[in-house]
């Protein structure tokens, strides 16, 4: 289990991350691009993955990590239930989402796992 405070600490520790409000949630951005959001009242995060990375992370347990249900999910946005996720898995997921945004802002091909 990962608390909201621990999620915030892990996401903010990645290079060049800025934490800003995003509607009723908190967003974590690199160069103005969101790679993660935190819905504190739901104890849930949402991360931006490539389709391949979304498939890989979701394959572990769809009650813990699963695509957002709608067009956002088809674009790689993926929910993570913080009360159920192992910290090591969350760290890998955060690093992957962060790198996805860093690479896309540099115009480089997006790396998957």
PDB file of N, CA and C in Angstrom:
ATOM      1  N   UNK A   1       0.831  -1.189   0.000  1.00  0.00           N
ATOM      2  CA  UNK A   1       0.000   0.000   0.000  1.00  0.00           C
ATOM      3  C   UNK A   1       0.875   1.252   0.000  1.00  0.00           C
ATOM      4  N   UNK A   2       0.432   2.245  -0.764  1.00  0.00           N
ATOM      5  CA  UNK A   2       1.141   3.513  -0.846  1.00  0.00           C
ATOM      6  C   UNK A   2       0.168   4.620  -0.472  1.00  0.00           C
ATOM      7  N   UNK A   3       0.573   5.482   0.421  1.00  0.00           N
ATOM      8  CA  UNK A   3      -0.277   6.599   0.824  1.00  0.00           C
ATOM      9  C   UNK A   3      -0.207   7.722  -0.216  1.00  0.00           C
ATOM     10  N   UNK A   4      -1.158   8.634  -0.133  1.00  0.00           N
ATOM     11  CA  UNK A   4      -1.127   9.812  -1.004  1.00  0.00           C
ATOM     12  C   UNK A   4       0.163  10.604  -0.799  1.00  0.00           C
ATOM     13  N   UNK A   5       0.575  10.745   0.448  1.00  0.00           N
ATOM     14  CA  UNK A   5       1.799  11.496   0.758  1.00  0.00           C
ATOM     15  C   UNK A   5       3.025  10.808   0.158  1.00  0.00           C
ATOM     16  N   UNK A   6       3.067   9.482   0.236  1.00  0.00           N
ATOM     17  CA  UNK A   6       4.198   8.739  -0.336  1.00  0.00           C
ATOM     18  C   UNK A   6       4.204   8.869  -1.863  1.00  0.00           C
ATOM     19  N   UNK A   7       3.016   8.793  -2.483  1.00  0.00           N
ATOM     20  CA  UNK A   7       2.937   8.979  -3.936  1.00  0.00           C
ATOM     21  C   UNK A   7       3.500  10.344  -4.319  1.00  0.00           C
ATOM     22  N   UNK A   8       3.071  11.370  -3.618  1.00  0.00           N
ATOM     23  CA  UNK A   8       3.524  12.742  -3.886  1.00  0.00           C
ATOM     24  C   UNK A   8       5.049  12.823  -3.775  1.00  0.00           C
ATOM     25  N   UNK A   9       5.601  12.207  -2.744  1.00  0.00           N
ATOM     26  CA  UNK A   9       7.051  12.222  -2.527  1.00  0.00           C
ATOM     27  C   UNK A   9       7.788  11.503  -3.665  1.00  0.00           C
ATOM     28  N   UNK A  10       7.290  10.337  -4.062  1.00  0.00           N
ATOM     29  CA  UNK A  10       7.932   9.565  -5.133  1.00  0.00           C
ATOM     30  C   UNK A  10       7.859  10.295  -6.473  1.00  0.00           C
ATOM     31  N   UNK A  11       6.696  10.838  -6.801  1.00  0.00           N
ATOM     32  CA  UNK A  11       6.531  11.537  -8.080  1.00  0.00           C
ATOM     33  C   UNK A  11       7.383  12.804  -8.121  1.00  0.00           C
ATOM     34  N   UNK A  12       7.415  13.526  -7.023  1.00  0.00           N
ATOM     35  CA  UNK A  12       8.161  14.791  -6.968  1.00  0.00           C
ATOM     36  C   UNK A  12       9.669  14.582  -6.986  1.00  0.00           C
ATOM     37  N   UNK A  13      10.124  13.388  -6.636  1.00  0.00           N
ATOM     38  CA  UNK A  13      11.560  13.098  -6.598  1.00  0.00           C
ATOM     39  C   UNK A  13      12.162  12.882  -7.985  1.00  0.00           C
ATOM     40  N   UNK A  14      11.329  12.684  -8.991  1.00  0.00           N
ATOM     41  CA  UNK A  14      11.838  12.482 -10.350  1.00  0.00           C
ATOM     42  C   UNK A  14      12.368  13.809 -10.903  1.00  0.00           C
ATOM     43  N   UNK A  15      13.302  13.758 -11.844  1.00  0.00           N
ATOM     44  CA  UNK A  15      13.936  14.982 -12.344  1.00  0.00           C
ATOM     45  C   UNK A  15      12.950  15.967 -12.985  1.00  0.00           C
ATOM     46  N   UNK A  16      13.122  17.243 -12.631  1.00  0.00           N
ATOM     47  CA  UNK A  16      12.407  18.363 -13.251  1.00  0.00           C
ATOM     48  C   UNK A  16      10.891  18.332 -13.085  1.00  0.00           C
ATOM     49  N   UNK A  17      10.396  17.686 -12.061  1.00  0.00           N
ATOM     50  CA  UNK A  17       8.946  17.582 -11.854  1.00  0.00           C
ATOM     51  C   UNK A  17       8.417  18.819 -11.145  1.00  0.00           C
ATOM     52  N   UNK A  18       7.275  19.290 -11.642  1.00  0.00           N
ATOM     53  CA  UNK A  18       6.554  20.401 -11.038  1.00  0.00           C
ATOM     54  C   UNK A  18       5.180  19.888 -10.641  1.00  0.00           C
ATOM     55  N   UNK A  19       4.762  20.197  -9.421  1.00  0.00           N
ATOM     56  CA  UNK A  19       3.446  19.800  -8.925  1.00  0.00           C
ATOM     57  C   UNK A  19       2.505  20.993  -9.023  1.00  0.00           C
ATOM     58  N   UNK A  20       1.367  20.797  -9.699  1.00  0.00           N
ATOM     59  CA  UNK A  20       0.391  21.864  -9.897  1.00  0.00           C
ATOM     60  C   UNK A  20      -1.030  21.317  -9.764  1.00  0.00           C
ATOM     61  N   UNK A  21      -1.987  22.170  -9.424  1.00  0.00           N
ATOM     62  CA  UNK A  21      -3.379  21.724  -9.403  1.00  0.00           C
ATOM     63  C   UNK A  21      -3.847  21.380 -10.820  1.00  0.00           C
ATOM     64  N   UNK A  22      -4.753  20.424 -10.899  1.00  0.00           N
ATOM     65  CA  UNK A  22      -5.362  20.038 -12.176  1.00  0.00           C
ATOM     66  C   UNK A  22      -6.818  19.680 -11.874  1.00  0.00           C
ATOM     67  N   UNK A  23      -7.705  20.640 -12.072  1.00  0.00           N
ATOM     68  CA  UNK A  23      -9.097  20.505 -11.675  1.00  0.00           C
ATOM     69  C   UNK A  23      -9.137  20.164 -10.188  1.00  0.00           C
ATOM     70  N   UNK A  24      -9.819  19.089  -9.784  1.00  0.00           N
ATOM     71  CA  UNK A  24      -9.879  18.744  -8.356  1.00  0.00           C
ATOM     72  C   UNK A  24      -8.731  17.843  -7.917  1.00  0.00           C
ATOM     73  N   UNK A  25      -7.813  17.556  -8.823  1.00  0.00           N
ATOM     74  CA  UNK A  25      -6.677  16.682  -8.537  1.00  0.00           C
ATOM     75  C   UNK A  25      -5.372  17.479  -8.495  1.00  0.00           C
ATOM     76  N   UNK A  26      -4.292  16.759  -8.243  1.00  0.00           N
ATOM     77  CA  UNK A  26      -2.952  17.320  -8.304  1.00  0.00           C
ATOM     78  C   UNK A  26      -2.252  16.695  -9.500  1.00  0.00           C
ATOM     79  N   UNK A  27      -1.562  17.520 -10.284  1.00  0.00           N
ATOM     80  CA  UNK A  27      -0.821  16.974 -11.422  1.00  0.00           C
ATOM     81  C   UNK A  27       0.675  17.069 -11.164  1.00  0.00           C
ATOM     82  N   UNK A  28       1.393  16.182 -11.827  1.00  0.00           N
ATOM     83  CA  UNK A  28       2.850  16.152 -11.784  1.00  0.00           C
ATOM     84  C   UNK A  28       3.310  16.263 -13.230  1.00  0.00           C
ATOM     85  N   UNK A  29       4.126  17.292 -13.504  1.00  0.00           N
ATOM     86  CA  UNK A  29       4.460  17.641 -14.877  1.00  0.00           C
ATOM     87  C   UNK A  29       5.969  17.758 -15.090  1.00  0.00           C
ATOM     88  N   UNK A  30       6.338  17.539 -16.348  1.00  0.00           N
ATOM     89  CA  UNK A  30       7.692  17.788 -16.812  1.00  0.00           C
ATOM     90  C   UNK A  30       7.545  18.657 -18.056  1.00  0.00           C
ATOM     91  N   UNK A  31       8.180  19.816 -18.046  1.00  0.00           N
ATOM     92  CA  UNK A  31       8.097  20.748 -19.181  1.00  0.00           C
ATOM     93  C   UNK A  31       6.643  20.994 -19.584  1.00  0.00           C
ATOM     94  N   UNK A  32       5.811  21.239 -18.583  1.00  0.00           N
ATOM     95  CA  UNK A  32       4.390  21.581 -18.741  1.00  0.00           C
ATOM     96  C   UNK A  32       3.513  20.421 -19.194  1.00  0.00           C
ATOM     97  N   UNK A  33       4.071  19.217 -19.345  1.00  0.00           N
ATOM     98  CA  UNK A  33       3.288  18.055 -19.770  1.00  0.00           C
ATOM     99  C   UNK A  33       3.032  17.146 -18.580  1.00  0.00           C
ATOM    100  N   UNK A  34       1.781  16.760 -18.414  1.00  0.00           N
ATOM    101  CA  UNK A  34       1.383  15.904 -17.289  1.00  0.00           C
ATOM    102  C   UNK A  34       1.792  14.460 -17.555  1.00  0.00           C
ATOM    103  N   UNK A  35       2.431  13.847 -16.558  1.00  0.00           N
ATOM    104  CA  UNK A  35       2.713  12.415 -16.630  1.00  0.00           C
ATOM    105  C   UNK A  35       1.961  11.646 -15.554  1.00  0.00           C
ATOM    106  N   UNK A  36       1.441  12.357 -14.546  1.00  0.00           N
ATOM    107  CA  UNK A  36       0.693  11.691 -13.477  1.00  0.00           C
ATOM    108  C   UNK A  36      -0.245  12.690 -12.804  1.00  0.00           C
ATOM    109  N   UNK A  37      -1.355  12.163 -12.304  1.00  0.00           N
ATOM    110  CA  UNK A  37      -2.240  12.950 -11.457  1.00  0.00           C
ATOM    111  C   UNK A  37      -2.553  12.130 -10.212  1.00  0.00           C
ATOM    112  N   UNK A  38      -2.954  12.838  -9.173  1.00  0.00           N
ATOM    113  CA  UNK A  38      -3.293  12.199  -7.904  1.00  0.00           C
ATOM    114  C   UNK A  38      -4.675  12.669  -7.476  1.00  0.00           C
ATOM    115  N   UNK A  39      -5.598  11.718  -7.311  1.00  0.00           N
ATOM    116  CA  UNK A  39      -6.942  11.990  -6.796  1.00  0.00           C
ATOM    117  C   UNK A  39      -6.937  11.557  -5.329  1.00  0.00           C
ATOM    118  N   UNK A  40      -6.608  12.484  -4.453  1.00  0.00           N
ATOM    119  CA  UNK A  40      -6.412  12.143  -3.042  1.00  0.00           C
ATOM    120  C   UNK A  40      -7.653  11.547  -2.392  1.00  0.00           C
ATOM    121  N   UNK A  41      -8.826  12.079  -2.699  1.00  0.00           N
ATOM    122  CA  UNK A  41     -10.021  11.554  -2.023  1.00  0.00           C
ATOM    123  C   UNK A  41     -10.374  10.139  -2.468  1.00  0.00           C
ATOM    124  N   UNK A  42      -9.837   9.699  -3.596  1.00  0.00           N
ATOM    125  CA  UNK A  42     -10.057   8.321  -4.067  1.00  0.00           C
ATOM    126  C   UNK A  42      -8.844   7.422  -3.821  1.00  0.00           C
ATOM    127  N   UNK A  43      -7.762   8.004  -3.293  1.00  0.00           N
ATOM    128  CA  UNK A  43      -6.505   7.269  -3.076  1.00  0.00           C
ATOM    129  C   UNK A  43      -6.083   6.539  -4.353  1.00  0.00           C
ATOM    130  N   UNK A  44      -6.127   7.316  -5.462  1.00  0.00           N
ATOM    131  CA  UNK A  44      -5.847   6.734  -6.775  1.00  0.00           C
ATOM    132  C   UNK A  44      -5.007   7.700  -7.599  1.00  0.00           C
ATOM    133  N   UNK A  45      -4.063   7.142  -8.328  1.00  0.00           N
ATOM    134  CA  UNK A  45      -3.241   7.923  -9.254  1.00  0.00           C
ATOM    135  C   UNK A  45      -3.640   7.567 -10.675  1.00  0.00           C
ATOM    136  N   UNK A  46      -3.281   8.446 -11.589  1.00  0.00           N
ATOM    137  CA  UNK A  46      -3.482   8.193 -13.013  1.00  0.00           C
ATOM    138  C   UNK A  46      -2.177   8.558 -13.705  1.00  0.00           C
ATOM    139  N   UNK A  47      -1.618   7.602 -14.466  1.00  0.00           N
ATOM    140  CA  UNK A  47      -0.337   7.805 -15.138  1.00  0.00           C
ATOM    141  C   UNK A  47      -0.503   7.679 -16.636  1.00  0.00           C
ATOM    142  N   UNK A  48       0.361   8.377 -17.377  1.00  0.00           N
ATOM    143  CA  UNK A  48       0.350   8.353 -18.837  1.00  0.00           C
ATOM    144  C   UNK A  48       1.413   7.379 -19.338  1.00  0.00           C
ATOM    145  N   UNK A  49       0.939   6.337 -20.035  1.00  0.00           N
ATOM    146  CA  UNK A  49       1.828   5.324 -20.598  1.00  0.00           C
ATOM    147  C   UNK A  49       1.660   5.263 -22.113  1.00  0.00           C
ATOM    148  N   UNK A  50       2.615   4.630 -22.767  1.00  0.00           N
ATOM    149  CA  UNK A  50       2.412   4.214 -24.152  1.00  0.00           C
ATOM    150  C   UNK A  50       1.416   3.051 -24.099  1.00  0.00           C
ATOM    151  N   UNK A  51       0.865   2.688 -25.241  1.00  0.00           N
ATOM    152  CA  UNK A  51      -0.073   1.554 -25.270  1.00  0.00           C
ATOM    153  C   UNK A  51       0.603   0.271 -24.796  1.00  0.00           C
ATOM    154  N   UNK A  52       1.844   0.074 -25.207  1.00  0.00           N
ATOM    155  CA  UNK A  52       2.579  -1.131 -24.811  1.00  0.00           C
ATOM    156  C   UNK A  52       2.801  -1.157 -23.302  1.00  0.00           C
ATOM    157  N   UNK A  53       3.273  -0.049 -22.745  1.00  0.00           N
ATOM    158  CA  UNK A  53       3.517   0.006 -21.304  1.00  0.00           C
ATOM    159  C   UNK A  53       2.223  -0.158 -20.517  1.00  0.00           C
ATOM    160  N   UNK A  54       1.148   0.444 -21.008  1.00  0.00           N
ATOM    161  CA  UNK A  54      -0.145   0.288 -20.347  1.00  0.00           C
ATOM    162  C   UNK A  54      -0.542  -1.188 -20.295  1.00  0.00           C
ATOM    163  N   UNK A  55      -0.354  -1.879 -21.396  1.00  0.00           N
ATOM    164  CA  UNK A  55      -0.682  -3.304 -21.465  1.00  0.00           C
ATOM    165  C   UNK A  55       0.170  -4.119 -20.498  1.00  0.00           C
ATOM    166  N   UNK A  56       1.451  -3.816 -20.436  1.00  0.00           N
ATOM    167  CA  UNK A  56       2.363  -4.552 -19.552  1.00  0.00           C
ATOM    168  C   UNK A  56       1.983  -4.328 -18.089  1.00  0.00           C
ATOM    169  N   UNK A  57       1.843  -3.067 -17.678  1.00  0.00           N
ATOM    170  CA  UNK A  57       1.520  -2.789 -16.280  1.00  0.00           C
ATOM    171  C   UNK A  57       0.136  -3.329 -15.901  1.00  0.00           C
ATOM    172  N   UNK A  58      -0.829  -3.235 -16.807  1.00  0.00           N
ATOM    173  CA  UNK A  58      -2.180  -3.713 -16.518  1.00  0.00           C
ATOM    174  C   UNK A  58      -2.248  -5.231 -16.451  1.00  0.00           C
ATOM    175  N   UNK A  59      -1.301  -5.909 -17.051  1.00  0.00           N
ATOM    176  CA  UNK A  59      -1.342  -7.374 -17.071  1.00  0.00           C
ATOM    177  C   UNK A  59      -1.052  -7.994 -15.707  1.00  0.00           C
ATOM    178  N   UNK A  60      -0.436  -7.236 -14.793  1.00  0.00           N
ATOM    179  CA  UNK A  60      -0.121  -7.783 -13.472  1.00  0.00           C
ATOM    180  C   UNK A  60      -1.383  -8.087 -12.682  1.00  0.00           C
ATOM    181  N   UNK A  61      -2.280  -7.125 -12.561  1.00  0.00           N
ATOM    182  CA  UNK A  61      -3.519  -7.300 -11.801  1.00  0.00           C
ATOM    183  C   UNK A  61      -4.440  -6.132 -12.122  1.00  0.00           C
ATOM    184  N   UNK A  62      -5.515  -6.394 -12.851  1.00  0.00           N
ATOM    185  CA  UNK A  62      -6.404  -5.327 -13.297  1.00  0.00           C
ATOM    186  C   UNK A  62      -7.262  -4.737 -12.179  1.00  0.00           C
ATOM    187  N   UNK A  63      -7.138  -5.248 -10.965  1.00  0.00           N
ATOM    188  CA  UNK A  63      -7.806  -4.584  -9.841  1.00  0.00           C
ATOM    189  C   UNK A  63      -6.878  -3.534  -9.224  1.00  0.00           C
ATOM    190  N   UNK A  64      -5.616  -3.549  -9.624  1.00  0.00           N
ATOM    191  CA  UNK A  64      -4.618  -2.617  -9.092  1.00  0.00           C
ATOM    192  C   UNK A  64      -4.247  -1.556 -10.131  1.00  0.00           C
ATOM    193  N   UNK A  65      -3.952  -1.981 -11.352  1.00  0.00           N
ATOM    194  CA  UNK A  65      -3.551  -1.093 -12.443  1.00  0.00           C
ATOM    195  C   UNK A  65      -4.406  -1.431 -13.654  1.00  0.00           C
ATOM    196  N   UNK A  66      -5.115  -0.415 -14.175  1.00  0.00           N
ATOM    197  CA  UNK A  66      -6.035  -0.671 -15.281  1.00  0.00           C
ATOM    198  C   UNK A  66      -6.265   0.608 -16.084  1.00  0.00           C
ATOM    199  N   UNK A  67      -6.557   0.456 -17.388  1.00  0.00           N
ATOM    200  CA  UNK A  67      -6.787   1.623 -18.237  1.00  0.00           C
ATOM    201  C   UNK A  67      -8.002   2.429 -17.766  1.00  0.00           C
ATOM    202  N   UNK A  68      -7.921   3.735 -17.908  1.00  0.00           N
ATOM    203  CA  UNK A  68      -9.079   4.593 -17.653  1.00  0.00           C
ATOM    204  C   UNK A  68     -10.159   4.186 -18.648  1.00  0.00           C
ATOM    205  N   UNK A  69     -11.386   3.995 -18.187  1.00  0.00           N
ATOM    206  CA  UNK A  69     -12.430   3.523 -19.099  1.00  0.00           C
ATOM    207  C   UNK A  69     -13.003   4.649 -19.960  1.00  0.00           C
ATOM    208  N   UNK A  70     -12.504   4.847 -21.132  1.00  0.00           N
ATOM    209  CA  UNK A  70     -13.022   5.768 -22.145  1.00  0.00           C
ATOM    210  C   UNK A  70     -11.889   6.107 -23.095  1.00  0.00           C
ATOM    211  N   UNK A  71     -12.059   7.179 -23.857  1.00  0.00           N
ATOM    212  CA  UNK A  71     -11.009   7.531 -24.830  1.00  0.00           C
ATOM    213  C   UNK A  71      -9.687   7.866 -24.167  1.00  0.00           C
ATOM    214  N   UNK A  72      -9.704   8.350 -22.916  1.00  0.00           N
ATOM    215  CA  UNK A  72      -8.455   8.650 -22.218  1.00  0.00           C
ATOM    216  C   UNK A  72      -7.646   7.368 -22.003  1.00  0.00           C
ATOM    217  N   UNK A  73      -8.313   6.290 -21.688  1.00  0.00           N
ATOM    218  CA  UNK A  73      -7.634   5.010 -21.516  1.00  0.00           C
ATOM    219  C   UNK A  73      -6.991   4.528 -22.805  1.00  0.00           C
ATOM    220  N   UNK A  74      -7.662   4.776 -23.920  1.00  0.00           N
ATOM    221  CA  UNK A  74      -7.101   4.379 -25.222  1.00  0.00           C
ATOM    222  C   UNK A  74      -5.873   5.215 -25.580  1.00  0.00           C
ATOM    223  N   UNK A  75      -5.694   6.357 -24.912  1.00  0.00           N
ATOM    224  CA  UNK A  75      -4.536   7.210 -25.138  1.00  0.00           C
ATOM    225  C   UNK A  75      -3.410   6.907 -24.144  1.00  0.00           C
ATOM    226  N   UNK A  76      -3.583   5.864 -23.328  1.00  0.00           N
ATOM    227  CA  UNK A  76      -2.528   5.434 -22.414  1.00  0.00           C
ATOM    228  C   UNK A  76      -2.728   5.816 -20.957  1.00  0.00           C
ATOM    229  N   UNK A  77      -3.762   6.607 -20.648  1.00  0.00           N
ATOM    230  CA  UNK A  77      -3.993   7.001 -19.256  1.00  0.00           C
ATOM    231  C   UNK A  77      -4.475   5.797 -18.464  1.00  0.00           C
ATOM    232  N   UNK A  78      -3.833   5.573 -17.332  1.00  0.00           N
ATOM    233  CA  UNK A  78      -3.997   4.331 -16.578  1.00  0.00           C
ATOM    234  C   UNK A  78      -4.144   4.633 -15.089  1.00  0.00           C
ATOM    235  N   UNK A  79      -5.189   4.054 -14.481  1.00  0.00           N
ATOM    236  CA  UNK A  79      -5.404   4.216 -13.044  1.00  0.00           C
ATOM    237  C   UNK A  79      -4.522   3.248 -12.262  1.00  0.00           C
ATOM    238  N   UNK A  80      -4.078   3.708 -11.094  1.00  0.00           N
ATOM    239  CA  UNK A  80      -3.361   2.856 -10.144  1.00  0.00           C
ATOM    240  C   UNK A  80      -4.014   3.052  -8.779  1.00  0.00           C
ATOM    241  N   UNK A  81      -4.507   1.967  -8.213  1.00  0.00           N
ATOM    242  CA  UNK A  81      -5.126   1.992  -6.887  1.00  0.00           C
ATOM    243  C   UNK A  81      -4.005   1.963  -5.852  1.00  0.00           C
ATOM    244  N   UNK A  82      -3.789   3.087  -5.193  1.00  0.00           N
ATOM    245  CA  UNK A  82      -2.652   3.212  -4.277  1.00  0.00           C
ATOM    246  C   UNK A  82      -2.772   2.305  -3.060  1.00  0.00           C
ATOM    247  N   UNK A  83      -3.974   1.984  -2.634  1.00  0.00           N
ATOM    248  CA  UNK A  83      -4.163   1.108  -1.474  1.00  0.00           C
ATOM    249  C   UNK A  83      -3.775  -0.337  -1.776  1.00  0.00           C
ATOM    250  N   UNK A  84      -3.641  -0.674  -3.068  1.00  0.00           N
ATOM    251  CA  UNK A  84      -3.364  -2.058  -3.462  1.00  0.00           C
ATOM    252  C   UNK A  84      -1.992  -2.265  -4.105  1.00  0.00           C
ATOM    253  N   UNK A  85      -1.369  -1.199  -4.582  1.00  0.00           N
ATOM    254  CA  UNK A  85      -0.139  -1.360  -5.362  1.00  0.00           C
ATOM    255  C   UNK A  85       1.078  -1.512  -4.450  1.00  0.00           C
ATOM    256  N   UNK A  86       2.013  -2.346  -4.887  1.00  0.00           N
ATOM    257  CA  UNK A  86       3.300  -2.479  -4.201  1.00  0.00           C
ATOM    258  C   UNK A  86       4.154  -1.267  -4.547  1.00  0.00           C
ATOM    259  N   UNK A  87       4.920  -0.783  -3.599  1.00  0.00           N
ATOM    260  CA  UNK A  87       5.726   0.422  -3.816  1.00  0.00           C
ATOM    261  C   UNK A  87       6.698   0.258  -4.971  1.00  0.00           C
ATOM    262  N   UNK A  88       7.331  -0.910  -5.107  1.00  0.00           N
ATOM    263  CA  UNK A  88       8.298  -1.135  -6.176  1.00  0.00           C
ATOM    264  C   UNK A  88       7.631  -1.033  -7.549  1.00  0.00           C
ATOM    265  N   UNK A  89       6.423  -1.569  -7.658  1.00  0.00           N
ATOM    266  CA  UNK A  89       5.677  -1.493  -8.920  1.00  0.00           C
ATOM    267  C   UNK A  89       5.337  -0.043  -9.230  1.00  0.00           C
ATOM    268  N   UNK A  90       4.909   0.694  -8.213  1.00  0.00           N
ATOM    269  CA  UNK A  90       4.570   2.097  -8.408  1.00  0.00           C
ATOM    270  C   UNK A  90       5.799   2.898  -8.842  1.00  0.00           C
ATOM    271  N   UNK A  91       6.927   2.652  -8.246  1.00  0.00           N
ATOM    272  CA  UNK A  91       8.157   3.361  -8.627  1.00  0.00           C
ATOM    273  C   UNK A  91       8.482   3.092 -10.094  1.00  0.00           C
ATOM    274  N   UNK A  92       8.397   1.829 -10.516  1.00  0.00           N
ATOM    275  CA  UNK A  92       8.640   1.497 -11.928  1.00  0.00           C
ATOM    276  C   UNK A  92       7.644   2.214 -12.834  1.00  0.00           C
ATOM    277  N   UNK A  93       6.387   2.233 -12.434  1.00  0.00           N
ATOM    278  CA  UNK A  93       5.341   2.877 -13.230  1.00  0.00           C
ATOM    279  C   UNK A  93       5.593   4.382 -13.338  1.00  0.00           C
ATOM    280  N   UNK A  94       5.926   5.018 -12.231  1.00  0.00           N
ATOM    281  CA  UNK A  94       6.206   6.458 -12.250  1.00  0.00           C
ATOM    282  C   UNK A  94       7.395   6.789 -13.148  1.00  0.00           C
ATOM    283  N   UNK A  95       8.455   6.006 -13.039  1.00  0.00           N
ATOM    284  CA  UNK A  95       9.632   6.245 -13.875  1.00  0.00           C
ATOM    285  C   UNK A  95       9.299   6.071 -15.354  1.00  0.00           C
ATOM    286  N   UNK A  96       8.483   5.076 -15.665  1.00  0.00           N
ATOM    287  CA  UNK A  96       8.093   4.820 -17.051  1.00  0.00           C
ATOM    288  C   UNK A  96       7.247   5.962 -17.595  1.00  0.00           C
ATOM    289  N   UNK A  97       6.260   6.412 -16.831  1.00  0.00           N
ATOM    290  CA  UNK A  97       5.398   7.518 -17.268  1.00  0.00           C
ATOM    291  C   UNK A  97       6.208   8.806 -17.408  1.00  0.00           C
ATOM    292  N   UNK A  98       7.086   9.055 -16.459  1.00  0.00           N
ATOM    293  CA  UNK A  98       7.937  10.246 -16.502  1.00  0.00           C
ATOM    294  C   UNK A  98       8.800  10.231 -17.764  1.00  0.00           C
ATOM    295  N   UNK A  99       9.453   9.102 -18.027  1.00  0.00           N
ATOM    296  CA  UNK A  99      10.325   8.988 -19.203  1.00  0.00           C
ATOM    297  C   UNK A  99       9.535   9.139 -20.493  1.00  0.00           C
ATOM    298  N   UNK A 100       8.316   8.631 -20.522  1.00  0.00           N
ATOM    299  CA  UNK A 100       7.434   8.763 -21.692  1.00  0.00           C
ATOM    300  C   UNK A 100       7.253  10.234 -22.044  1.00  0.00           C
ATOM    301  N   UNK A 101       6.973  11.048 -21.045  1.00  0.00           N
ATOM    302  CA  UNK A 101       6.748  12.476 -21.275  1.00  0.00           C
ATOM    303  C   UNK A 101       8.062  13.185 -21.618  1.00  0.00           C
ATOM    304  N   UNK A 102       9.144  12.838 -20.938  1.00  0.00           N
ATOM    305  CA  UNK A 102      10.449  13.444 -21.245  1.00  0.00           C
ATOM    306  C   UNK A 102      10.821  13.155 -22.696  1.00  0.00           C
ATOM    307  N   UNK A 103      10.679  11.925 -23.117  1.00  0.00           N
ATOM    308  CA  UNK A 103      11.027  11.557 -24.492  1.00  0.00           C
ATOM    309  C   UNK A 103      10.126  12.253 -25.504  1.00  0.00           C
ATOM    310  N   UNK A 104       8.840  12.338 -25.225  1.00  0.00           N
ATOM    311  CA  UNK A 104       7.929  12.957 -26.186  1.00  0.00           C
ATOM    312  C   UNK A 104       8.185  14.463 -26.302  1.00  0.00           C
ATOM    313  N   UNK A 105       8.628  15.094 -25.210  1.00  0.00           N
ATOM    314  CA  UNK A 105       8.915  16.534 -25.270  1.00  0.00           C
ATOM    315  C   UNK A 105      10.248  16.812 -25.969  1.00  0.00           C
ATOM    316  N   UNK A 106      11.082  15.795 -26.103  1.00  0.00           N
ATOM    317  CA  UNK A 106      12.357  15.946 -26.811  1.00  0.00           C
ATOM    318  C   UNK A 106      12.212  15.539 -28.280  1.00  0.00           C
ATOM    319  N   UNK A 107      11.036  15.031 -28.632  1.00  0.00           N
ATOM    320  CA  UNK A 107      10.829  14.571 -30.001  1.00  0.00           C
ATOM    321  C   UNK A 107      11.466  13.235 -30.275  1.00  0.00           C
ATOM    322  N   UNK A 108      11.834  12.509 -29.207  1.00  0.00           N
ATOM    323  CA  UNK A 108      12.455  11.204 -29.365  1.00  0.00           C
ATOM    324  C   UNK A 108      11.375  10.125 -29.387  1.00  0.00           C
ATOM    325  N   UNK A 109      11.661   8.988 -29.962  1.00  0.00           N
ATOM    326  CA  UNK A 109      10.719   7.884 -29.908  1.00  0.00           C
ATOM    327  C   UNK A 109      10.447   7.495 -28.460  1.00  0.00           C
ATOM    328  N   UNK A 110       9.248   7.060 -28.195  1.00  0.00           N
ATOM    329  CA  UNK A 110       8.872   6.700 -26.844  1.00  0.00           C
ATOM    330  C   UNK A 110       9.377   5.296 -26.529  1.00  0.00           C
ATOM    331  N   UNK A 111      10.098   5.183 -25.423  1.00  0.00           N
ATOM    332  CA  UNK A 111      10.625   3.891 -24.996  1.00  0.00           C
ATOM    333  C   UNK A 111       9.562   3.167 -24.201  1.00  0.00           C
ATOM    334  N   UNK A 112       9.475   1.880 -24.392  1.00  0.00           N
ATOM    335  CA  UNK A 112       8.599   1.064 -23.555  1.00  0.00           C
ATOM    336  C   UNK A 112       9.493   0.206 -22.676  1.00  0.00           C
ATOM    337  N   UNK A 113       8.846  -0.556 -21.799  1.00  0.00           N
ATOM    338  CA  UNK A 113       9.604  -1.428 -20.897  1.00  0.00           C
ATOM    339  C   UNK A 113      10.449  -2.313 -21.722  1.00  0.00           C
TER     340      UNK A 113
END
